[in-house]
Amino acid sequence: MNLLKKILPPDKWKLPVMITLGVFVGLFFYLFNISNAGSYLSDEPTTCINCHVMESEYATWFHSSHRENATCNDCHVPHNNMFSKYFFKAKDGLRHATIFTLRAEPQVIKIKHEGLNVVQENCKRCHSFVNEPVTTLKVTGENYTHGEGKLCWECHREIPHGRVKGLSSTPNAIVPRLSSPVPEWLENIMSK
């Protein structure tokens, strides 16, 4: 009870504190909605095009053979356990969100070292039954950086993204458009 008295504001401050907290909670839910944050918990490939920079990658994946069997997360997120998967998604997502918020995204996206390890391990995981005698099964992102062996996509360069070199490599890519986060009533007011 003593602790509760220390935490609660004096009576004259209760209303302003409640209003301020209400504003912050409202802003949080508004930002959560407008940024499509809930979609990042799914494995839906359209989540990747929440940012226009990924449209080329989405379009090339959509027209590849991988579309029938693999989503973006099947290749780009670790699958050794659930904690590792969601920790990686959260860490990578926060990095992406920061880059896109600061408008610091590059025209040509290059995979980071940690992502390189994940993709290589997922290639091996899905295709191990075909490649057992192939030496790439022994190659990891780590020993590749030390000049030992080749990564899967060095030979299979066209899979699944082709030779994507940024937004200009697929200028006429048709990708699904995200619905506007602006409520319809507000759009009607703005269009008048």
N, C-alpha and C. Protein backbone atom coordinates (compact mmCIF):
# COMPACT_ATOMS: atom_id res chain seq x y z
N MET A 1 0.82 -1.19 0.00
CA MET A 1 0.00 0.00 0.00
C MET A 1 0.87 1.26 0.00
N ASN A 2 1.95 1.24 0.77
CA ASN A 2 2.88 2.37 0.81
C ASN A 2 3.50 2.64 -0.56
N LEU A 3 3.86 1.55 -1.25
CA LEU A 3 4.47 1.67 -2.57
C LEU A 3 3.48 2.30 -3.55
N LEU A 4 2.21 1.89 -3.46
CA LEU A 4 1.18 2.43 -4.33
C LEU A 4 1.00 3.93 -4.12
N LYS A 5 1.07 4.38 -2.88
CA LYS A 5 0.96 5.81 -2.58
C LYS A 5 2.13 6.59 -3.17
N LYS A 6 3.30 5.97 -3.19
CA LYS A 6 4.48 6.64 -3.74
C LYS A 6 4.38 6.76 -5.26
N ILE A 7 3.77 5.76 -5.90
CA ILE A 7 3.69 5.75 -7.36
C ILE A 7 2.58 6.68 -7.87
N LEU A 8 1.42 6.67 -7.22
CA LEU A 8 0.29 7.49 -7.68
C LEU A 8 0.58 8.98 -7.48
N PRO A 9 0.17 9.79 -8.47
CA PRO A 9 0.37 11.24 -8.34
C PRO A 9 -0.60 11.83 -7.32
N PRO A 10 -0.32 13.04 -6.84
CA PRO A 10 -1.27 13.72 -5.94
C PRO A 10 -2.61 13.93 -6.66
N ASP A 11 -3.66 14.11 -5.90
CA ASP A 11 -5.01 14.24 -6.47
C ASP A 11 -5.10 15.31 -7.55
N LYS A 12 -4.45 16.45 -7.36
CA LYS A 12 -4.57 17.52 -8.36
C LYS A 12 -3.87 17.18 -9.69
N TRP A 13 -2.99 16.16 -9.69
CA TRP A 13 -2.27 15.76 -10.90
C TRP A 13 -2.88 14.53 -11.57
N LYS A 14 -3.85 13.88 -10.95
CA LYS A 14 -4.39 12.63 -11.51
C LYS A 14 -4.99 12.83 -12.90
N LEU A 15 -5.81 13.84 -13.09
CA LEU A 15 -6.45 14.06 -14.39
C LEU A 15 -5.41 14.38 -15.48
N PRO A 16 -4.47 15.32 -15.27
CA PRO A 16 -3.46 15.57 -16.31
C PRO A 16 -2.59 14.33 -16.62
N VAL A 17 -2.28 13.57 -15.60
CA VAL A 17 -1.47 12.35 -15.82
C VAL A 17 -2.28 11.34 -16.63
N MET A 18 -3.55 11.16 -16.32
CA MET A 18 -4.39 10.22 -17.07
C MET A 18 -4.54 10.68 -18.53
N ILE A 19 -4.72 11.97 -18.75
CA ILE A 19 -4.84 12.49 -20.12
C ILE A 19 -3.53 12.27 -20.88
N THR A 20 -2.42 12.57 -20.24
CA THR A 20 -1.11 12.39 -20.89
C THR A 20 -0.88 10.91 -21.22
N LEU A 21 -1.15 10.03 -20.28
CA LEU A 21 -1.00 8.59 -20.54
C LEU A 21 -1.93 8.15 -21.67
N GLY A 22 -3.16 8.66 -21.68
CA GLY A 22 -4.10 8.33 -22.74
C GLY A 22 -3.59 8.76 -24.10
N VAL A 23 -2.99 9.95 -24.17
CA VAL A 23 -2.43 10.44 -25.43
C VAL A 23 -1.30 9.53 -25.90
N PHE A 24 -0.39 9.16 -24.98
CA PHE A 24 0.72 8.29 -25.36
C PHE A 24 0.25 6.89 -25.78
N VAL A 25 -0.71 6.35 -25.07
CA VAL A 25 -1.25 5.03 -25.45
C VAL A 25 -1.93 5.13 -26.81
N GLY A 26 -2.70 6.19 -27.03
CA GLY A 26 -3.35 6.40 -28.32
C GLY A 26 -2.34 6.53 -29.45
N LEU A 27 -1.28 7.30 -29.23
CA LEU A 27 -0.22 7.45 -30.24
C LEU A 27 0.45 6.12 -30.54
N PHE A 28 0.69 5.33 -29.48
CA PHE A 28 1.31 4.02 -29.68
C PHE A 28 0.45 3.16 -30.60
N PHE A 29 -0.85 3.07 -30.31
CA PHE A 29 -1.74 2.24 -31.14
C PHE A 29 -1.89 2.81 -32.55
N TYR A 30 -1.89 4.13 -32.67
CA TYR A 30 -1.95 4.76 -34.00
C TYR A 30 -0.70 4.41 -34.82
N LEU A 31 0.47 4.54 -34.21
CA LEU A 31 1.71 4.20 -34.92
C LEU A 31 1.78 2.71 -35.23
N PHE A 32 1.31 1.88 -34.32
CA PHE A 32 1.26 0.44 -34.55
C PHE A 32 0.41 0.13 -35.78
N ASN A 33 -0.74 0.81 -35.89
CA ASN A 33 -1.64 0.59 -37.01
C ASN A 33 -1.07 1.14 -38.32
N ILE A 34 -0.61 2.38 -38.29
CA ILE A 34 -0.16 3.03 -39.52
C ILE A 34 1.11 2.39 -40.10
N SER A 35 1.92 1.78 -39.24
CA SER A 35 3.16 1.15 -39.71
C SER A 35 2.96 -0.32 -40.07
N ASN A 36 1.74 -0.82 -39.99
CA ASN A 36 1.46 -2.23 -40.25
C ASN A 36 2.30 -3.15 -39.38
N ALA A 37 2.58 -2.73 -38.16
CA ALA A 37 3.47 -3.48 -37.27
C ALA A 37 2.98 -4.90 -37.01
N GLY A 38 1.68 -5.09 -36.93
CA GLY A 38 1.15 -6.43 -36.69
C GLY A 38 1.50 -7.42 -37.80
N SER A 39 1.66 -6.91 -39.02
CA SER A 39 1.99 -7.80 -40.14
C SER A 39 3.36 -8.45 -40.00
N TYR A 40 4.25 -7.82 -39.24
CA TYR A 40 5.60 -8.35 -39.10
C TYR A 40 5.65 -9.61 -38.24
N LEU A 41 4.56 -9.91 -37.55
CA LEU A 41 4.52 -11.14 -36.77
C LEU A 41 4.17 -12.34 -37.64
N SER A 42 3.72 -12.08 -38.86
CA SER A 42 3.31 -13.16 -39.76
C SER A 42 4.47 -13.58 -40.67
N ASP A 43 4.21 -14.58 -41.48
CA ASP A 43 5.17 -15.01 -42.49
C ASP A 43 4.69 -14.63 -43.89
N GLU A 44 3.78 -13.69 -43.96
CA GLU A 44 3.18 -13.27 -45.22
C GLU A 44 4.20 -12.49 -46.06
N PRO A 45 4.49 -12.91 -47.31
CA PRO A 45 5.47 -12.21 -48.14
C PRO A 45 5.11 -10.75 -48.43
N THR A 46 3.83 -10.42 -48.48
CA THR A 46 3.46 -9.03 -48.76
C THR A 46 3.92 -8.09 -47.64
N THR A 47 4.25 -8.63 -46.49
CA THR A 47 4.79 -7.80 -45.40
C THR A 47 6.07 -7.11 -45.85
N CYS A 48 6.86 -7.80 -46.66
CA CYS A 48 8.14 -7.24 -47.08
C CYS A 48 7.99 -6.00 -47.94
N ILE A 49 6.83 -5.82 -48.58
CA ILE A 49 6.66 -4.63 -49.40
C ILE A 49 5.97 -3.51 -48.64
N ASN A 50 5.94 -3.61 -47.30
CA ASN A 50 5.52 -2.45 -46.51
C ASN A 50 6.44 -1.29 -46.83
N CYS A 51 7.64 -1.60 -47.27
CA CYS A 51 8.58 -0.57 -47.70
C CYS A 51 8.81 -0.73 -49.20
N HIS A 52 8.70 0.36 -49.95
CA HIS A 52 8.81 0.28 -51.41
C HIS A 52 10.16 -0.23 -51.89
N VAL A 53 11.18 -0.12 -51.09
CA VAL A 53 12.52 -0.55 -51.50
C VAL A 53 12.54 -2.04 -51.78
N MET A 54 11.65 -2.81 -51.17
CA MET A 54 11.64 -4.26 -51.33
C MET A 54 10.77 -4.73 -52.49
N GLU A 55 10.19 -3.82 -53.26
CA GLU A 55 9.30 -4.23 -54.34
C GLU A 55 10.00 -5.07 -55.39
N SER A 56 11.23 -4.76 -55.73
CA SER A 56 11.97 -5.55 -56.72
C SER A 56 12.18 -6.97 -56.23
N GLU A 57 12.56 -7.10 -54.96
CA GLU A 57 12.78 -8.43 -54.40
C GLU A 57 11.49 -9.23 -54.36
N TYR A 58 10.39 -8.56 -53.98
CA TYR A 58 9.09 -9.24 -53.95
C TYR A 58 8.70 -9.70 -55.35
N ALA A 59 8.80 -8.82 -56.33
CA ALA A 59 8.39 -9.15 -57.70
C ALA A 59 9.21 -10.31 -58.27
N THR A 60 10.51 -10.30 -58.03
CA THR A 60 11.35 -11.38 -58.58
C THR A 60 11.08 -12.69 -57.86
N TRP A 61 10.84 -12.65 -56.54
CA TRP A 61 10.47 -13.86 -55.81
C TRP A 61 9.13 -14.39 -56.32
N PHE A 62 8.16 -13.48 -56.53
CA PHE A 62 6.82 -13.87 -56.94
C PHE A 62 6.84 -14.62 -58.27
N HIS A 63 7.78 -14.31 -59.14
CA HIS A 63 7.87 -14.97 -60.45
C HIS A 63 8.91 -16.08 -60.47
N SER A 64 9.34 -16.53 -59.30
CA SER A 64 10.33 -17.60 -59.24
C SER A 64 9.67 -18.91 -58.80
N SER A 65 10.41 -19.99 -58.95
CA SER A 65 9.91 -21.29 -58.51
C SER A 65 9.79 -21.37 -56.99
N HIS A 66 10.51 -20.55 -56.27
CA HIS A 66 10.44 -20.57 -54.81
C HIS A 66 9.07 -20.13 -54.28
N ARG A 67 8.34 -19.36 -55.07
CA ARG A 67 7.05 -18.85 -54.61
C ARG A 67 6.11 -19.98 -54.19
N GLU A 68 6.20 -21.12 -54.86
CA GLU A 68 5.30 -22.23 -54.56
C GLU A 68 5.63 -22.92 -53.24
N ASN A 69 6.88 -22.81 -52.78
CA ASN A 69 7.30 -23.58 -51.61
C ASN A 69 7.93 -22.78 -50.48
N ALA A 70 8.27 -21.53 -50.72
CA ALA A 70 9.00 -20.78 -49.70
C ALA A 70 8.56 -19.33 -49.65
N THR A 71 8.37 -18.84 -48.43
CA THR A 71 8.10 -17.42 -48.23
C THR A 71 9.42 -16.73 -47.93
N CYS A 72 9.38 -15.42 -47.80
CA CYS A 72 10.60 -14.66 -47.48
C CYS A 72 11.24 -15.18 -46.19
N ASN A 73 10.41 -15.41 -45.18
CA ASN A 73 10.93 -15.86 -43.89
C ASN A 73 11.51 -17.27 -43.94
N ASP A 74 11.09 -18.10 -44.88
CA ASP A 74 11.67 -19.44 -45.00
C ASP A 74 13.15 -19.35 -45.33
N CYS A 75 13.54 -18.31 -46.06
CA CYS A 75 14.95 -18.15 -46.43
C CYS A 75 15.70 -17.18 -45.52
N HIS A 76 15.05 -16.11 -45.10
CA HIS A 76 15.75 -15.00 -44.45
C HIS A 76 15.67 -14.96 -42.93
N VAL A 77 15.07 -15.97 -42.31
CA VAL A 77 14.94 -16.00 -40.85
C VAL A 77 15.41 -17.37 -40.36
N PRO A 78 16.16 -17.44 -39.26
CA PRO A 78 16.61 -18.74 -38.75
C PRO A 78 15.44 -19.62 -38.31
N HIS A 79 15.63 -20.93 -38.44
CA HIS A 79 14.57 -21.87 -38.10
C HIS A 79 15.01 -22.91 -37.07
N ASN A 80 16.09 -22.64 -36.35
CA ASN A 80 16.55 -23.62 -35.37
C ASN A 80 15.66 -23.69 -34.14
N ASN A 81 15.00 -22.58 -33.75
CA ASN A 81 14.00 -22.60 -32.67
C ASN A 81 13.16 -21.32 -32.75
N MET A 82 12.04 -21.32 -32.05
CA MET A 82 11.09 -20.20 -32.12
C MET A 82 11.69 -18.91 -31.55
N PHE A 83 12.43 -19.02 -30.45
CA PHE A 83 13.04 -17.85 -29.85
C PHE A 83 14.01 -17.19 -30.83
N SER A 84 14.86 -18.00 -31.44
CA SER A 84 15.85 -17.48 -32.39
C SER A 84 15.15 -16.80 -33.58
N LYS A 85 14.08 -17.40 -34.06
CA LYS A 85 13.35 -16.85 -35.20
C LYS A 85 12.81 -15.45 -34.88
N TYR A 86 12.07 -15.34 -33.77
CA TYR A 86 11.44 -14.06 -33.45
C TYR A 86 12.44 -13.02 -32.94
N PHE A 87 13.52 -13.46 -32.31
CA PHE A 87 14.57 -12.53 -31.90
C PHE A 87 15.23 -11.92 -33.14
N PHE A 88 15.53 -12.77 -34.13
CA PHE A 88 16.14 -12.30 -35.37
C PHE A 88 15.20 -11.36 -36.10
N LYS A 89 13.90 -11.73 -36.19
CA LYS A 89 12.92 -10.87 -36.86
C LYS A 89 12.83 -9.51 -36.17
N ALA A 90 12.81 -9.52 -34.84
CA ALA A 90 12.70 -8.26 -34.09
C ALA A 90 13.93 -7.39 -34.29
N LYS A 91 15.10 -7.99 -34.17
CA LYS A 91 16.35 -7.24 -34.31
C LYS A 91 16.50 -6.69 -35.72
N ASP A 92 16.25 -7.52 -36.71
CA ASP A 92 16.36 -7.10 -38.10
C ASP A 92 15.27 -6.08 -38.44
N GLY A 93 14.07 -6.30 -37.91
CA GLY A 93 12.97 -5.37 -38.16
C GLY A 93 13.23 -4.00 -37.57
N LEU A 94 13.78 -3.95 -36.37
CA LEU A 94 14.10 -2.66 -35.76
C LEU A 94 15.18 -1.93 -36.55
N ARG A 95 16.15 -2.68 -37.05
CA ARG A 95 17.20 -2.07 -37.88
C ARG A 95 16.58 -1.51 -39.15
N HIS A 96 15.71 -2.30 -39.81
CA HIS A 96 15.05 -1.83 -41.03
C HIS A 96 14.18 -0.61 -40.75
N ALA A 97 13.40 -0.68 -39.68
CA ALA A 97 12.51 0.43 -39.34
C ALA A 97 13.30 1.71 -39.10
N THR A 98 14.42 1.59 -38.43
CA THR A 98 15.27 2.77 -38.16
C THR A 98 15.80 3.34 -39.46
N ILE A 99 16.30 2.48 -40.33
CA ILE A 99 16.85 2.92 -41.62
C ILE A 99 15.77 3.62 -42.44
N PHE A 100 14.58 3.01 -42.52
CA PHE A 100 13.53 3.57 -43.35
C PHE A 100 12.95 4.85 -42.74
N THR A 101 12.88 4.91 -41.42
CA THR A 101 12.39 6.12 -40.76
C THR A 101 13.33 7.29 -41.00
N LEU A 102 14.61 7.02 -40.98
CA LEU A 102 15.61 8.07 -41.20
C LEU A 102 15.86 8.33 -42.68
N ARG A 103 15.12 7.62 -43.53
CA ARG A 103 15.27 7.74 -44.99
C ARG A 103 16.70 7.48 -45.43
N ALA A 104 17.33 6.49 -44.84
CA ALA A 104 18.72 6.15 -45.14
C ALA A 104 18.84 4.85 -45.93
N GLU A 105 17.74 4.40 -46.54
CA GLU A 105 17.78 3.14 -47.27
C GLU A 105 18.59 3.29 -48.56
N PRO A 106 19.39 2.28 -48.88
CA PRO A 106 20.19 2.35 -50.10
C PRO A 106 19.33 2.01 -51.32
N GLN A 107 19.77 2.41 -52.49
CA GLN A 107 19.08 2.05 -53.72
C GLN A 107 19.26 0.57 -54.03
N VAL A 108 20.43 0.04 -53.71
CA VAL A 108 20.71 -1.38 -53.93
C VAL A 108 20.87 -2.03 -52.55
N ILE A 109 20.01 -2.98 -52.27
CA ILE A 109 20.04 -3.66 -50.98
C ILE A 109 21.04 -4.81 -51.04
N LYS A 110 21.92 -4.85 -50.07
CA LYS A 110 22.89 -5.94 -49.97
C LYS A 110 22.69 -6.63 -48.64
N ILE A 111 22.77 -7.94 -48.67
CA ILE A 111 22.56 -8.72 -47.46
C ILE A 111 23.72 -8.51 -46.49
N LYS A 112 23.37 -8.39 -45.22
CA LYS A 112 24.39 -8.22 -44.17
C LYS A 112 24.98 -9.58 -43.83
N HIS A 113 26.11 -9.56 -43.12
CA HIS A 113 26.82 -10.80 -42.80
C HIS A 113 25.93 -11.79 -42.04
N GLU A 114 25.20 -11.32 -41.05
CA GLU A 114 24.34 -12.22 -40.28
C GLU A 114 23.25 -12.83 -41.15
N GLY A 115 22.68 -12.03 -42.04
CA GLY A 115 21.67 -12.53 -42.97
C GLY A 115 22.24 -13.54 -43.94
N LEU A 116 23.48 -13.32 -44.35
CA LEU A 116 24.17 -14.24 -45.25
C LEU A 116 24.27 -15.62 -44.60
N ASN A 117 24.62 -15.66 -43.32
CA ASN A 117 24.69 -16.93 -42.59
C ASN A 117 23.33 -17.62 -42.57
N VAL A 118 22.29 -16.86 -42.29
CA VAL A 118 20.93 -17.42 -42.18
C VAL A 118 20.48 -17.99 -43.51
N VAL A 119 20.64 -17.25 -44.59
CA VAL A 119 20.20 -17.72 -45.91
C VAL A 119 20.97 -18.98 -46.31
N GLN A 120 22.28 -19.00 -46.10
CA GLN A 120 23.08 -20.18 -46.45
C GLN A 120 22.59 -21.41 -45.68
N GLU A 121 22.34 -21.25 -44.38
CA GLU A 121 21.87 -22.39 -43.58
C GLU A 121 20.48 -22.85 -44.03
N ASN A 122 19.63 -21.91 -44.44
CA ASN A 122 18.30 -22.30 -44.90
C ASN A 122 18.33 -22.95 -46.27
N CYS A 123 19.26 -22.56 -47.14
CA CYS A 123 19.43 -23.27 -48.41
C CYS A 123 19.80 -24.73 -48.13
N LYS A 124 20.76 -24.89 -47.23
CA LYS A 124 21.21 -26.25 -46.88
C LYS A 124 20.08 -27.05 -46.22
N ARG A 125 19.30 -26.40 -45.36
CA ARG A 125 18.21 -27.09 -44.67
C ARG A 125 17.17 -27.61 -45.65
N CYS A 126 16.77 -26.77 -46.60
CA CYS A 126 15.71 -27.19 -47.53
C CYS A 126 16.19 -28.13 -48.63
N HIS A 127 17.44 -27.98 -49.04
CA HIS A 127 17.92 -28.74 -50.19
C HIS A 127 18.92 -29.83 -49.83
N SER A 128 19.04 -30.17 -48.56
CA SER A 128 20.05 -31.17 -48.15
C SER A 128 19.83 -32.52 -48.79
N PHE A 129 18.58 -32.92 -49.04
CA PHE A 129 18.31 -34.22 -49.65
C PHE A 129 18.83 -34.30 -51.08
N VAL A 130 18.96 -33.19 -51.74
CA VAL A 130 19.45 -33.16 -53.12
C VAL A 130 20.97 -33.04 -53.15
N ASN A 131 21.52 -32.30 -52.22
CA ASN A 131 22.93 -31.91 -52.28
C ASN A 131 23.87 -32.70 -51.38
N GLU A 132 23.48 -33.80 -50.84
CA GLU A 132 24.34 -34.44 -49.84
C GLU A 132 25.80 -34.57 -50.25
N PRO A 133 26.10 -34.96 -51.48
CA PRO A 133 27.53 -35.07 -51.82
C PRO A 133 28.20 -33.73 -52.13
N VAL A 134 27.42 -32.68 -52.25
CA VAL A 134 27.96 -31.38 -52.65
C VAL A 134 28.67 -30.73 -51.47
N THR A 135 29.81 -30.12 -51.75
CA THR A 135 30.62 -29.53 -50.68
C THR A 135 30.01 -28.25 -50.10
N THR A 136 29.04 -27.64 -50.79
CA THR A 136 28.46 -26.42 -50.24
C THR A 136 27.75 -26.67 -48.92
N LEU A 137 27.41 -27.93 -48.64
CA LEU A 137 26.75 -28.23 -47.37
C LEU A 137 27.67 -27.96 -46.19
N LYS A 138 28.97 -27.97 -46.45
CA LYS A 138 29.93 -27.70 -45.38
C LYS A 138 30.24 -26.20 -45.26
N VAL A 139 29.85 -25.42 -46.25
CA VAL A 139 30.15 -23.99 -46.26
C VAL A 139 29.15 -23.24 -45.39
N THR A 140 29.66 -22.42 -44.51
CA THR A 140 28.81 -21.52 -43.71
C THR A 140 29.18 -20.09 -44.10
N GLY A 141 28.38 -19.16 -43.67
CA GLY A 141 28.71 -17.76 -43.93
C GLY A 141 30.02 -17.38 -43.29
N GLU A 142 30.32 -17.99 -42.16
CA GLU A 142 31.54 -17.67 -41.42
C GLU A 142 32.79 -18.12 -42.17
N ASN A 143 32.82 -19.40 -42.59
CA ASN A 143 34.04 -19.84 -43.28
C ASN A 143 34.11 -19.27 -44.70
N TYR A 144 32.98 -18.87 -45.27
CA TYR A 144 32.99 -18.19 -46.57
C TYR A 144 33.74 -16.87 -46.48
N THR A 145 33.54 -16.13 -45.39
CA THR A 145 34.21 -14.84 -45.24
C THR A 145 35.72 -15.01 -45.09
N HIS A 146 36.16 -16.21 -44.77
CA HIS A 146 37.60 -16.50 -44.68
C HIS A 146 38.13 -17.11 -45.98
N GLY A 147 37.31 -17.06 -47.06
CA GLY A 147 37.75 -17.54 -48.36
C GLY A 147 37.64 -19.04 -48.55
N GLU A 148 36.84 -19.71 -47.74
CA GLU A 148 36.71 -21.16 -47.84
C GLU A 148 35.36 -21.54 -48.43
N GLY A 149 35.33 -21.95 -49.68
CA GLY A 149 34.11 -22.42 -50.31
C GLY A 149 33.26 -21.33 -50.92
N LYS A 150 32.16 -21.77 -51.56
CA LYS A 150 31.23 -20.85 -52.21
C LYS A 150 29.86 -20.99 -51.56
N LEU A 151 29.13 -19.88 -51.55
CA LEU A 151 27.76 -19.89 -51.07
C LEU A 151 26.85 -20.42 -52.17
N CYS A 152 25.71 -20.95 -51.80
CA CYS A 152 24.79 -21.57 -52.77
C CYS A 152 24.46 -20.65 -53.93
N TRP A 153 24.19 -19.37 -53.62
CA TRP A 153 23.73 -18.45 -54.67
C TRP A 153 24.86 -17.90 -55.53
N GLU A 154 26.08 -18.32 -55.27
CA GLU A 154 27.15 -17.93 -56.20
C GLU A 154 27.02 -18.70 -57.51
N CYS A 155 26.55 -19.94 -57.43
CA CYS A 155 26.29 -20.71 -58.65
C CYS A 155 24.84 -20.55 -59.11
N HIS A 156 23.93 -20.50 -58.17
CA HIS A 156 22.50 -20.39 -58.47
C HIS A 156 22.09 -18.92 -58.34
N ARG A 157 22.76 -18.07 -59.10
CA ARG A 157 22.61 -16.62 -58.98
C ARG A 157 21.21 -16.11 -59.34
N GLU A 158 20.51 -16.82 -60.17
CA GLU A 158 19.20 -16.34 -60.61
C GLU A 158 18.07 -16.73 -59.66
N ILE A 159 18.37 -17.46 -58.60
CA ILE A 159 17.32 -17.99 -57.72
C ILE A 159 17.35 -17.29 -56.39
N PRO A 160 16.27 -16.86 -55.83
CA PRO A 160 14.96 -16.62 -56.43
C PRO A 160 14.78 -15.18 -56.89
N HIS A 161 15.79 -14.33 -56.70
CA HIS A 161 15.59 -12.91 -57.00
C HIS A 161 16.18 -12.45 -58.33
N GLY A 162 16.74 -13.34 -59.09
CA GLY A 162 17.35 -12.91 -60.34
C GLY A 162 18.53 -12.01 -60.07
N ARG A 163 18.82 -11.13 -60.99
CA ARG A 163 19.94 -10.20 -60.82
C ARG A 163 19.40 -8.83 -60.41
N VAL A 164 18.75 -8.78 -59.28
CA VAL A 164 18.16 -7.54 -58.79
C VAL A 164 19.27 -6.56 -58.44
N LYS A 165 19.22 -5.39 -59.04
CA LYS A 165 20.21 -4.34 -58.78
C LYS A 165 19.54 -3.08 -58.28
N GLY A 166 18.50 -3.22 -57.51
CA GLY A 166 17.82 -2.05 -56.98
C GLY A 166 16.50 -1.80 -57.67
N LEU A 167 15.92 -0.65 -57.37
CA LEU A 167 14.59 -0.32 -57.88
C LEU A 167 14.56 -0.25 -59.40
N SER A 168 15.65 0.14 -60.03
CA SER A 168 15.65 0.31 -61.48
C SER A 168 15.72 -1.01 -62.24
N SER A 169 16.01 -2.13 -61.57
CA SER A 169 16.12 -3.40 -62.27
C SER A 169 14.77 -4.00 -62.63
N THR A 170 13.73 -3.61 -61.94
CA THR A 170 12.38 -4.08 -62.25
C THR A 170 11.42 -2.89 -62.24
N PRO A 171 11.60 -1.95 -63.19
CA PRO A 171 10.82 -0.71 -63.15
C PRO A 171 9.32 -0.92 -63.33
N ASN A 172 8.92 -1.98 -64.01
CA ASN A 172 7.50 -2.21 -64.26
C ASN A 172 6.94 -3.34 -63.42
N ALA A 173 7.57 -3.62 -62.29
CA ALA A 173 7.12 -4.71 -61.43
C ALA A 173 5.72 -4.41 -60.91
N ILE A 174 4.87 -5.40 -61.04
CA ILE A 174 3.52 -5.25 -60.51
C ILE A 174 3.49 -5.94 -59.16
N VAL A 175 3.28 -5.16 -58.14
CA VAL A 175 3.22 -5.69 -56.78
C VAL A 175 1.91 -5.23 -56.15
N PRO A 176 1.39 -6.00 -55.21
CA PRO A 176 0.15 -5.56 -54.57
C PRO A 176 0.36 -4.25 -53.82
N ARG A 177 -0.60 -3.38 -53.91
CA ARG A 177 -0.52 -2.10 -53.21
C ARG A 177 -1.11 -2.27 -51.81
N LEU A 178 -0.45 -1.68 -50.87
CA LEU A 178 -0.93 -1.72 -49.50
C LEU A 178 -2.13 -0.80 -49.35
N SER A 179 -3.04 -1.18 -48.50
CA SER A 179 -4.18 -0.30 -48.26
C SER A 179 -3.70 0.91 -47.46
N SER A 180 -4.34 2.01 -47.69
CA SER A 180 -3.95 3.25 -47.02
C SER A 180 -4.30 3.18 -45.54
N PRO A 181 -3.40 3.63 -44.68
CA PRO A 181 -3.72 3.66 -43.24
C PRO A 181 -4.61 4.84 -42.88
N VAL A 182 -4.84 5.75 -43.83
CA VAL A 182 -5.67 6.92 -43.57
C VAL A 182 -7.14 6.50 -43.65
N PRO A 183 -7.91 6.76 -42.62
CA PRO A 183 -9.33 6.38 -42.65
C PRO A 183 -10.06 7.03 -43.83
N GLU A 184 -11.06 6.33 -44.36
CA GLU A 184 -11.78 6.81 -45.53
C GLU A 184 -12.42 8.17 -45.29
N TRP A 185 -12.99 8.42 -44.12
CA TRP A 185 -13.64 9.69 -43.84
C TRP A 185 -12.65 10.84 -43.90
N LEU A 186 -11.39 10.59 -43.49
CA LEU A 186 -10.37 11.63 -43.54
C LEU A 186 -9.92 11.88 -44.98
N GLU A 187 -9.82 10.81 -45.77
CA GLU A 187 -9.47 10.98 -47.20
C GLU A 187 -10.55 11.80 -47.91
N ASN A 188 -11.82 11.57 -47.56
CA ASN A 188 -12.92 12.33 -48.18
C ASN A 188 -12.81 13.81 -47.85
N ILE A 189 -12.46 14.13 -46.61
CA ILE A 189 -12.30 15.52 -46.21
C ILE A 189 -11.12 16.16 -46.94
N MET A 190 -10.01 15.41 -47.05
CA MET A 190 -8.80 15.95 -47.69
C MET A 190 -8.98 16.13 -49.18
N SER A 191 -9.83 15.32 -49.83
CA SER A 191 -9.99 15.42 -51.28
C SER A 191 -10.94 16.53 -51.69
N LYS A 192 -11.64 17.15 -50.74
CA LYS A 192 -12.59 18.22 -51.08
C LYS A 192 -11.89 19.54 -51.25
